Amino acid sequence: MSALLSYSILFTLCAYGVAMLLALWRVLRGPSAQDRVLALDFIYIVGMLVVLVIGIQYASSTYFEAALLIALFGFVSSAAMAKFLLRGEVIE
């Protein structure tokens, strides 16, 4: 791996870490439940991106499959939380 790529990966992971910390702050201090749900949605997306970047770093396809699972479970959980906020129940 070239030095430019390794430095780019390091910078990207640090930037994603800062973004996750800021989103965690919004989860803890969000003025409404909708803001908290949106911040959790953002956290799982950034988590998926972190897994993808690590997959690029180690050149392994296993990380890409893990990122796909994170995206799938994140979508389902976001839909469930949105339905709960809208109606007050998840299962009809």
PDB file of N, CA and C in Angstrom:
ATOM      1  N   MET A   1       0.846  -1.167   0.000  1.00  0.00           N
ATOM      2  CA  MET A   1       0.000   0.000   0.000  1.00  0.00           C
ATOM      3  C   MET A   1       0.899   1.239   0.000  1.00  0.00           C
ATOM      4  N   SER A   2       0.517   2.217  -0.784  1.00  0.00           N
ATOM      5  CA  SER A   2       1.326   3.418  -0.881  1.00  0.00           C
ATOM      6  C   SER A   2       1.160   4.283   0.362  1.00  0.00           C
ATOM      7  N   ALA A   3       2.105   5.179   0.552  1.00  0.00           N
ATOM      8  CA  ALA A   3       2.070   6.060   1.710  1.00  0.00           C
ATOM      9  C   ALA A   3       0.891   7.024   1.629  1.00  0.00           C
ATOM     10  N   LEU A   4       0.578   7.485   0.429  1.00  0.00           N
ATOM     11  CA  LEU A   4      -0.556   8.396   0.258  1.00  0.00           C
ATOM     12  C   LEU A   4      -1.862   7.724   0.655  1.00  0.00           C
ATOM     13  N   LEU A   5      -2.030   6.472   0.256  1.00  0.00           N
ATOM     14  CA  LEU A   5      -3.253   5.748   0.607  1.00  0.00           C
ATOM     15  C   LEU A   5      -3.349   5.502   2.106  1.00  0.00           C
ATOM     16  N   SER A   6      -2.240   5.159   2.731  1.00  0.00           N
ATOM     17  CA  SER A   6      -2.287   4.903   4.179  1.00  0.00           C
ATOM     18  C   SER A   6      -2.581   6.181   4.960  1.00  0.00           C
ATOM     19  N   TYR A   7      -2.019   7.304   4.542  1.00  0.00           N
ATOM     20  CA  TYR A   7      -2.329   8.576   5.195  1.00  0.00           C
ATOM     21  C   TYR A   7      -3.771   9.008   4.931  1.00  0.00           C
ATOM     22  N   SER A   8      -4.263   8.738   3.745  1.00  0.00           N
ATOM     23  CA  SER A   8      -5.653   9.068   3.426  1.00  0.00           C
ATOM     24  C   SER A   8      -6.616   8.248   4.274  1.00  0.00           C
ATOM     25  N   ILE A   9      -6.314   6.980   4.459  1.00  0.00           N
ATOM     26  CA  ILE A   9      -7.154   6.120   5.285  1.00  0.00           C
ATOM     27  C   ILE A   9      -7.122   6.586   6.730  1.00  0.00           C
ATOM     28  N   LEU A  10      -5.955   6.950   7.222  1.00  0.00           N
ATOM     29  CA  LEU A  10      -5.841   7.439   8.594  1.00  0.00           C
ATOM     30  C   LEU A  10      -6.631   8.736   8.786  1.00  0.00           C
ATOM     31  N   PHE A  11      -6.511   9.661   7.850  1.00  0.00           N
ATOM     32  CA  PHE A  11      -7.260  10.910   7.927  1.00  0.00           C
ATOM     33  C   PHE A  11      -8.761  10.667   7.858  1.00  0.00           C
ATOM     34  N   THR A  12      -9.175   9.766   6.979  1.00  0.00           N
ATOM     35  CA  THR A  12     -10.591   9.460   6.833  1.00  0.00           C
ATOM     36  C   THR A  12     -11.162   8.853   8.103  1.00  0.00           C
ATOM     37  N   LEU A  13     -10.429   7.926   8.716  1.00  0.00           N
ATOM     38  CA  LEU A  13     -10.907   7.309   9.950  1.00  0.00           C
ATOM     39  C   LEU A  13     -10.986   8.326  11.090  1.00  0.00           C
ATOM     40  N   CYS A  14     -10.039   9.244  11.140  1.00  0.00           N
ATOM     41  CA  CYS A  14     -10.104  10.300  12.169  1.00  0.00           C
ATOM     42  C   CYS A  14     -11.299  11.223  11.933  1.00  0.00           C
ATOM     43  N   ALA A  15     -11.548  11.575  10.693  1.00  0.00           N
ATOM     44  CA  ALA A  15     -12.691  12.434  10.377  1.00  0.00           C
ATOM     45  C   ALA A  15     -14.008  11.731  10.707  1.00  0.00           C
ATOM     46  N   TYR A  16     -14.087  10.434  10.407  1.00  0.00           N
ATOM     47  CA  TYR A  16     -15.295   9.682  10.754  1.00  0.00           C
ATOM     48  C   TYR A  16     -15.458   9.581  12.262  1.00  0.00           C
ATOM     49  N   GLY A  17     -14.368   9.462  12.995  1.00  0.00           N
ATOM     50  CA  GLY A  17     -14.443   9.429  14.455  1.00  0.00           C
ATOM     51  C   GLY A  17     -14.991  10.728  15.018  1.00  0.00           C
ATOM     52  N   VAL A  18     -14.532  11.848  14.482  1.00  0.00           N
ATOM     53  CA  VAL A  18     -15.045  13.152  14.923  1.00  0.00           C
ATOM     54  C   VAL A  18     -16.524  13.278  14.581  1.00  0.00           C
ATOM     55  N   ALA A  19     -16.909  12.818  13.399  1.00  0.00           N
ATOM     56  CA  ALA A  19     -18.320  12.888  13.002  1.00  0.00           C
ATOM     57  C   ALA A  19     -19.188  12.032  13.919  1.00  0.00           C
ATOM     58  N   MET A  20     -18.686  10.865  14.299  1.00  0.00           N
ATOM     59  CA  MET A  20     -19.465  10.008  15.204  1.00  0.00           C
ATOM     60  C   MET A  20     -19.579  10.636  16.591  1.00  0.00           C
ATOM     61  N   LEU A  21     -18.539  11.292  17.053  1.00  0.00           N
ATOM     62  CA  LEU A  21     -18.610  11.958  18.354  1.00  0.00           C
ATOM     63  C   LEU A  21     -19.620  13.105  18.340  1.00  0.00           C
ATOM     64  N   LEU A  22     -19.633  13.862  17.260  1.00  0.00           N
ATOM     65  CA  LEU A  22     -20.607  14.950  17.151  1.00  0.00           C
ATOM     66  C   LEU A  22     -22.035  14.413  17.068  1.00  0.00           C
ATOM     67  N   ALA A  23     -22.220  13.308  16.360  1.00  0.00           N
ATOM     68  CA  ALA A  23     -23.551  12.712  16.287  1.00  0.00           C
ATOM     69  C   ALA A  23     -23.958  12.122  17.633  1.00  0.00           C
ATOM     70  N   LEU A  24     -23.012  11.568  18.365  1.00  0.00           N
ATOM     71  CA  LEU A  24     -23.307  11.061  19.702  1.00  0.00           C
ATOM     72  C   LEU A  24     -23.735  12.205  20.623  1.00  0.00           C
ATOM     73  N   TRP A  25     -23.105  13.347  20.464  1.00  0.00           N
ATOM     74  CA  TRP A  25     -23.503  14.525  21.226  1.00  0.00           C
ATOM     75  C   TRP A  25     -24.964  14.896  20.907  1.00  0.00           C
ATOM     76  N   ARG A  26     -25.343  14.783  19.630  1.00  0.00           N
ATOM     77  CA  ARG A  26     -26.723  15.093  19.242  1.00  0.00           C
ATOM     78  C   ARG A  26     -27.691  14.049  19.798  1.00  0.00           C
ATOM     79  N   VAL A  27     -27.260  12.802  19.889  1.00  0.00           N
ATOM     80  CA  VAL A  27     -28.116  11.769  20.475  1.00  0.00           C
ATOM     81  C   VAL A  27     -28.363  12.071  21.945  1.00  0.00           C
ATOM     82  N   LEU A  28     -27.329  12.487  22.643  1.00  0.00           N
ATOM     83  CA  LEU A  28     -27.463  12.737  24.072  1.00  0.00           C
ATOM     84  C   LEU A  28     -28.177  14.048  24.377  1.00  0.00           C
ATOM     85  N   ARG A  29     -27.985  15.071  23.551  1.00  0.00           N
ATOM     86  CA  ARG A  29     -28.518  16.396  23.848  1.00  0.00           C
ATOM     87  C   ARG A  29     -29.572  16.873  22.852  1.00  0.00           C
ATOM     88  N   GLY A  30     -30.077  15.978  22.010  1.00  0.00           N
ATOM     89  CA  GLY A  30     -31.027  16.394  20.986  1.00  0.00           C
ATOM     90  C   GLY A  30     -32.275  17.006  21.569  1.00  0.00           C
ATOM     91  N   PRO A  31     -32.764  18.082  20.973  1.00  0.00           N
ATOM     92  CA  PRO A  31     -33.955  18.726  21.542  1.00  0.00           C
ATOM     93  C   PRO A  31     -35.229  17.900  21.361  1.00  0.00           C
ATOM     94  N   SER A  32     -35.273  17.015  20.375  1.00  0.00           N
ATOM     95  CA  SER A  32     -36.486  16.220  20.179  1.00  0.00           C
ATOM     96  C   SER A  32     -36.105  14.778  19.842  1.00  0.00           C
ATOM     97  N   ALA A  33     -37.090  13.915  19.886  1.00  0.00           N
ATOM     98  CA  ALA A  33     -36.855  12.503  19.577  1.00  0.00           C
ATOM     99  C   ALA A  33     -36.481  12.311  18.104  1.00  0.00           C
ATOM    100  N   GLN A  34     -37.026  13.130  17.246  1.00  0.00           N
ATOM    101  CA  GLN A  34     -36.694  13.015  15.822  1.00  0.00           C
ATOM    102  C   GLN A  34     -35.228  13.331  15.570  1.00  0.00           C
ATOM    103  N   ASP A  35     -34.682  14.314  16.279  1.00  0.00           N
ATOM    104  CA  ASP A  35     -33.258  14.625  16.142  1.00  0.00           C
ATOM    105  C   ASP A  35     -32.402  13.454  16.613  1.00  0.00           C
ATOM    106  N   ARG A  36     -32.811  12.807  17.670  1.00  0.00           N
ATOM    107  CA  ARG A  36     -32.052  11.665  18.188  1.00  0.00           C
ATOM    108  C   ARG A  36     -32.079  10.500  17.209  1.00  0.00           C
ATOM    109  N   VAL A  37     -33.238  10.249  16.600  1.00  0.00           N
ATOM    110  CA  VAL A  37     -33.336   9.169  15.613  1.00  0.00           C
ATOM    111  C   VAL A  37     -32.467   9.471  14.397  1.00  0.00           C
ATOM    112  N   LEU A  38     -32.485  10.700  13.950  1.00  0.00           N
ATOM    113  CA  LEU A  38     -31.662  11.087  12.808  1.00  0.00           C
ATOM    114  C   LEU A  38     -30.180  10.957  13.129  1.00  0.00           C
ATOM    115  N   ALA A  39     -29.780  11.300  14.343  1.00  0.00           N
ATOM    116  CA  ALA A  39     -28.384  11.163  14.743  1.00  0.00           C
ATOM    117  C   ALA A  39     -27.986   9.693  14.828  1.00  0.00           C
ATOM    118  N   LEU A  40     -28.871   8.837  15.328  1.00  0.00           N
ATOM    119  CA  LEU A  40     -28.573   7.402  15.347  1.00  0.00           C
ATOM    120  C   LEU A  40     -28.448   6.845  13.940  1.00  0.00           C
ATOM    121  N   ASP A  41     -29.297   7.322  13.037  1.00  0.00           N
ATOM    122  CA  ASP A  41     -29.213   6.920  11.634  1.00  0.00           C
ATOM    123  C   ASP A  41     -27.870   7.334  11.041  1.00  0.00           C
ATOM    124  N   PHE A  42     -27.436   8.527  11.366  1.00  0.00           N
ATOM    125  CA  PHE A  42     -26.143   9.006  10.887  1.00  0.00           C
ATOM    126  C   PHE A  42     -24.990   8.182  11.467  1.00  0.00           C
ATOM    127  N   ILE A  43     -25.112   7.794  12.732  1.00  0.00           N
ATOM    128  CA  ILE A  43     -24.053   7.006  13.367  1.00  0.00           C
ATOM    129  C   ILE A  43     -23.908   5.656  12.684  1.00  0.00           C
ATOM    130  N   TYR A  44     -25.013   4.997  12.359  1.00  0.00           N
ATOM    131  CA  TYR A  44     -24.856   3.701  11.696  1.00  0.00           C
ATOM    132  C   TYR A  44     -24.318   3.853  10.279  1.00  0.00           C
ATOM    133  N   ILE A  45     -24.643   4.942   9.608  1.00  0.00           N
ATOM    134  CA  ILE A  45     -24.090   5.151   8.265  1.00  0.00           C
ATOM    135  C   ILE A  45     -22.582   5.385   8.350  1.00  0.00           C
ATOM    136  N   VAL A  46     -22.146   6.196   9.303  1.00  0.00           N
ATOM    137  CA  VAL A  46     -20.710   6.446   9.456  1.00  0.00           C
ATOM    138  C   VAL A  46     -20.003   5.168   9.911  1.00  0.00           C
ATOM    139  N   GLY A  47     -20.645   4.378  10.761  1.00  0.00           N
ATOM    140  CA  GLY A  47     -20.072   3.093  11.150  1.00  0.00           C
ATOM    141  C   GLY A  47     -19.888   2.170   9.956  1.00  0.00           C
ATOM    142  N   MET A  48     -20.850   2.175   9.066  1.00  0.00           N
ATOM    143  CA  MET A  48     -20.732   1.382   7.853  1.00  0.00           C
ATOM    144  C   MET A  48     -19.578   1.887   6.986  1.00  0.00           C
ATOM    145  N   LEU A  49     -19.410   3.199   6.903  1.00  0.00           N
ATOM    146  CA  LEU A  49     -18.308   3.751   6.130  1.00  0.00           C
ATOM    147  C   LEU A  49     -16.955   3.415   6.756  1.00  0.00           C
ATOM    148  N   VAL A  50     -16.890   3.390   8.084  1.00  0.00           N
ATOM    149  CA  VAL A  50     -15.648   3.005   8.760  1.00  0.00           C
ATOM    150  C   VAL A  50     -15.287   1.571   8.404  1.00  0.00           C
ATOM    151  N   VAL A  51     -16.276   0.690   8.420  1.00  0.00           N
ATOM    152  CA  VAL A  51     -16.021  -0.707   8.070  1.00  0.00           C
ATOM    153  C   VAL A  51     -15.559  -0.813   6.614  1.00  0.00           C
ATOM    154  N   LEU A  52     -16.137  -0.021   5.729  1.00  0.00           N
ATOM    155  CA  LEU A  52     -15.707  -0.047   4.327  1.00  0.00           C
ATOM    156  C   LEU A  52     -14.270   0.442   4.161  1.00  0.00           C
ATOM    157  N   VAL A  53     -13.910   1.490   4.875  1.00  0.00           N
ATOM    158  CA  VAL A  53     -12.539   2.005   4.786  1.00  0.00           C
ATOM    159  C   VAL A  53     -11.545   0.986   5.334  1.00  0.00           C
ATOM    160  N   ILE A  54     -11.901   0.322   6.415  1.00  0.00           N
ATOM    161  CA  ILE A  54     -11.018  -0.716   6.955  1.00  0.00           C
ATOM    162  C   ILE A  54     -10.922  -1.880   5.975  1.00  0.00           C
ATOM    163  N   GLY A  55     -12.012  -2.180   5.277  1.00  0.00           N
ATOM    164  CA  GLY A  55     -11.977  -3.207   4.242  1.00  0.00           C
ATOM    165  C   GLY A  55     -11.050  -2.836   3.104  1.00  0.00           C
ATOM    166  N   ILE A  56     -11.014  -1.561   2.746  1.00  0.00           N
ATOM    167  CA  ILE A  56     -10.072  -1.105   1.724  1.00  0.00           C
ATOM    168  C   ILE A  56      -8.644  -1.216   2.227  1.00  0.00           C
ATOM    169  N   GLN A  57      -8.445  -0.884   3.499  1.00  0.00           N
ATOM    170  CA  GLN A  57      -7.093  -0.933   4.063  1.00  0.00           C
ATOM    171  C   GLN A  57      -6.539  -2.348   4.074  1.00  0.00           C
ATOM    172  N   TYR A  58      -7.350  -3.311   4.472  1.00  0.00           N
ATOM    173  CA  TYR A  58      -6.871  -4.692   4.561  1.00  0.00           C
ATOM    174  C   TYR A  58      -7.151  -5.511   3.318  1.00  0.00           C
ATOM    175  N   ALA A  59      -7.814  -4.938   2.322  1.00  0.00           N
ATOM    176  CA  ALA A  59      -8.127  -5.598   1.054  1.00  0.00           C
ATOM    177  C   ALA A  59      -8.844  -6.923   1.283  1.00  0.00           C
ATOM    178  N   SER A  60      -9.888  -6.874   2.109  1.00  0.00           N
ATOM    179  CA  SER A  60     -10.646  -8.075   2.438  1.00  0.00           C
ATOM    180  C   SER A  60     -12.110  -7.853   2.105  1.00  0.00           C
ATOM    181  N   SER A  61     -12.721  -8.838   1.460  1.00  0.00           N
ATOM    182  CA  SER A  61     -14.132  -8.709   1.092  1.00  0.00           C
ATOM    183  C   SER A  61     -15.060  -8.990   2.269  1.00  0.00           C
ATOM    184  N   THR A  62     -14.551  -9.550   3.332  1.00  0.00           N
ATOM    185  CA  THR A  62     -15.369  -9.829   4.502  1.00  0.00           C
ATOM    186  C   THR A  62     -15.907  -8.536   5.109  1.00  0.00           C
ATOM    187  N   TYR A  63     -15.107  -7.498   5.097  1.00  0.00           N
ATOM    188  CA  TYR A  63     -15.540  -6.206   5.635  1.00  0.00           C
ATOM    189  C   TYR A  63     -16.679  -5.615   4.808  1.00  0.00           C
ATOM    190  N   PHE A  64     -16.668  -5.866   3.516  1.00  0.00           N
ATOM    191  CA  PHE A  64     -17.728  -5.346   2.669  1.00  0.00           C
ATOM    192  C   PHE A  64     -19.051  -6.054   2.959  1.00  0.00           C
ATOM    193  N   GLU A  65     -18.974  -7.346   3.253  1.00  0.00           N
ATOM    194  CA  GLU A  65     -20.188  -8.068   3.635  1.00  0.00           C
ATOM    195  C   GLU A  65     -20.711  -7.580   4.986  1.00  0.00           C
ATOM    196  N   ALA A  66     -19.802  -7.280   5.906  1.00  0.00           N
ATOM    197  CA  ALA A  66     -20.209  -6.738   7.208  1.00  0.00           C
ATOM    198  C   ALA A  66     -20.861  -5.368   7.034  1.00  0.00           C
ATOM    199  N   ALA A  67     -20.342  -4.559   6.128  1.00  0.00           N
ATOM    200  CA  ALA A  67     -20.936  -3.245   5.866  1.00  0.00           C
ATOM    201  C   ALA A  67     -22.340  -3.389   5.278  1.00  0.00           C
ATOM    202  N   LEU A  68     -22.538  -4.388   4.458  1.00  0.00           N
ATOM    203  CA  LEU A  68     -23.863  -4.632   3.904  1.00  0.00           C
ATOM    204  C   LEU A  68     -24.850  -5.019   5.006  1.00  0.00           C
ATOM    205  N   LEU A  69     -24.410  -5.835   5.942  1.00  0.00           N
ATOM    206  CA  LEU A  69     -25.274  -6.200   7.067  1.00  0.00           C
ATOM    207  C   LEU A  69     -25.583  -4.999   7.961  1.00  0.00           C
ATOM    208  N   ILE A  70     -24.595  -4.153   8.193  1.00  0.00           N
ATOM    209  CA  ILE A  70     -24.830  -2.941   8.988  1.00  0.00           C
ATOM    210  C   ILE A  70     -25.861  -2.054   8.300  1.00  0.00           C
ATOM    211  N   ALA A  71     -25.760  -1.913   6.989  1.00  0.00           N
ATOM    212  CA  ALA A  71     -26.720  -1.095   6.249  1.00  0.00           C
ATOM    213  C   ALA A  71     -28.118  -1.696   6.325  1.00  0.00           C
ATOM    214  N   LEU A  72     -28.225  -3.008   6.223  1.00  0.00           N
ATOM    215  CA  LEU A  72     -29.529  -3.662   6.274  1.00  0.00           C
ATOM    216  C   LEU A  72     -30.183  -3.496   7.640  1.00  0.00           C
ATOM    217  N   PHE A  73     -29.441  -3.797   8.698  1.00  0.00           N
ATOM    218  CA  PHE A  73     -29.997  -3.671  10.045  1.00  0.00           C
ATOM    219  C   PHE A  73     -30.257  -2.207  10.412  1.00  0.00           C
ATOM    220  N   GLY A  74     -29.433  -1.307   9.935  1.00  0.00           N
ATOM    221  CA  GLY A  74     -29.653   0.109  10.203  1.00  0.00           C
ATOM    222  C   GLY A  74     -30.915   0.617   9.547  1.00  0.00           C
ATOM    223  N   PHE A  75     -31.187   0.183   8.324  1.00  0.00           N
ATOM    224  CA  PHE A  75     -32.407   0.599   7.641  1.00  0.00           C
ATOM    225  C   PHE A  75     -33.644   0.085   8.360  1.00  0.00           C
ATOM    226  N   VAL A  76     -33.603  -1.174   8.741  1.00  0.00           N
ATOM    227  CA  VAL A  76     -34.755  -1.760   9.439  1.00  0.00           C
ATOM    228  C   VAL A  76     -34.987  -1.068  10.779  1.00  0.00           C
ATOM    229  N   SER A  77     -33.919  -0.796  11.508  1.00  0.00           N
ATOM    230  CA  SER A  77     -34.085  -0.138  12.806  1.00  0.00           C
ATOM    231  C   SER A  77     -34.566   1.307  12.639  1.00  0.00           C
ATOM    232  N   SER A  78     -34.103   2.001  11.617  1.00  0.00           N
ATOM    233  CA  SER A  78     -34.578   3.359  11.371  1.00  0.00           C
ATOM    234  C   SER A  78     -36.060   3.368  11.012  1.00  0.00           C
ATOM    235  N   ALA A  79     -36.481   2.408  10.207  1.00  0.00           N
ATOM    236  CA  ALA A  79     -37.898   2.319   9.853  1.00  0.00           C
ATOM    237  C   ALA A  79     -38.743   2.003  11.089  1.00  0.00           C
ATOM    238  N   ALA A  80     -38.253   1.121  11.946  1.00  0.00           N
ATOM    239  CA  ALA A  80     -38.998   0.788  13.167  1.00  0.00           C
ATOM    240  C   ALA A  80     -39.082   1.983  14.109  1.00  0.00           C
ATOM    241  N   MET A  81     -37.983   2.719  14.261  1.00  0.00           N
ATOM    242  CA  MET A  81     -38.018   3.892  15.141  1.00  0.00           C
ATOM    243  C   MET A  81     -38.931   4.981  14.585  1.00  0.00           C
ATOM    244  N   ALA A  82     -38.928   5.166  13.270  1.00  0.00           N
ATOM    245  CA  ALA A  82     -39.808   6.163  12.662  1.00  0.00           C
ATOM    246  C   ALA A  82     -41.272   5.775  12.843  1.00  0.00           C
ATOM    247  N   LYS A  83     -41.570   4.493  12.681  1.00  0.00           N
ATOM    248  CA  LYS A  83     -42.943   4.043  12.880  1.00  0.00           C
ATOM    249  C   LYS A  83     -43.360   4.193  14.339  1.00  0.00           C
ATOM    250  N   PHE A  84     -42.436   3.926  15.255  1.00  0.00           N
ATOM    251  CA  PHE A  84     -42.755   4.087  16.672  1.00  0.00           C
ATOM    252  C   PHE A  84     -43.029   5.551  17.010  1.00  0.00           C
ATOM    253  N   LEU A  85     -42.237   6.463  16.457  1.00  0.00           N
ATOM    254  CA  LEU A  85     -42.456   7.885  16.724  1.00  0.00           C
ATOM    255  C   LEU A  85     -43.740   8.379  16.082  1.00  0.00           C
ATOM    256  N   LEU A  86     -44.109   7.787  14.964  1.00  0.00           N
ATOM    257  CA  LEU A  86     -45.310   8.227  14.263  1.00  0.00           C
ATOM    258  C   LEU A  86     -46.578   7.724  14.941  1.00  0.00           C
ATOM    259  N   ARG A  87     -46.613   6.448  15.316  1.00  0.00           N
ATOM    260  CA  ARG A  87     -47.839   5.837  15.832  1.00  0.00           C
ATOM    261  C   ARG A  87     -47.789   5.433  17.296  1.00  0.00           C
ATOM    262  N   GLY A  88     -46.600   5.298  17.854  1.00  0.00           N
ATOM    263  CA  GLY A  88     -46.487   4.874  19.239  1.00  0.00           C
ATOM    264  C   GLY A  88     -46.407   3.380  19.419  1.00  0.00           C
ATOM    265  N   GLU A  89     -46.410   2.635  18.330  1.00  0.00           N
ATOM    266  CA  GLU A  89     -46.274   1.173  18.396  1.00  0.00           C
ATOM    267  C   GLU A  89     -45.517   0.697  17.169  1.00  0.00           C
ATOM    268  N   VAL A  90     -44.815  -0.403  17.315  1.00  0.00           N
ATOM    269  CA  VAL A  90     -44.031  -0.936  16.205  1.00  0.00           C
ATOM    270  C   VAL A  90     -44.768  -2.086  15.544  1.00  0.00           C
ATOM    271  N   ILE A  91     -45.324  -2.982  16.358  1.00  0.00           N
ATOM    272  CA  ILE A  91     -46.025  -4.140  15.833  1.00  0.00           C
ATOM    273  C   ILE A  91     -47.522  -3.860  15.853  1.00  0.00           C
ATOM    274  N   GLU A  92     -48.166  -4.080  14.712  1.00  0.00           N
ATOM    275  CA  GLU A  92     -49.608  -3.823  14.628  1.00  0.00           C
ATOM    276  C   GLU A  92     -50.375  -5.063  14.990  1.00  0.00           C
TER     277      GLU A  92
END
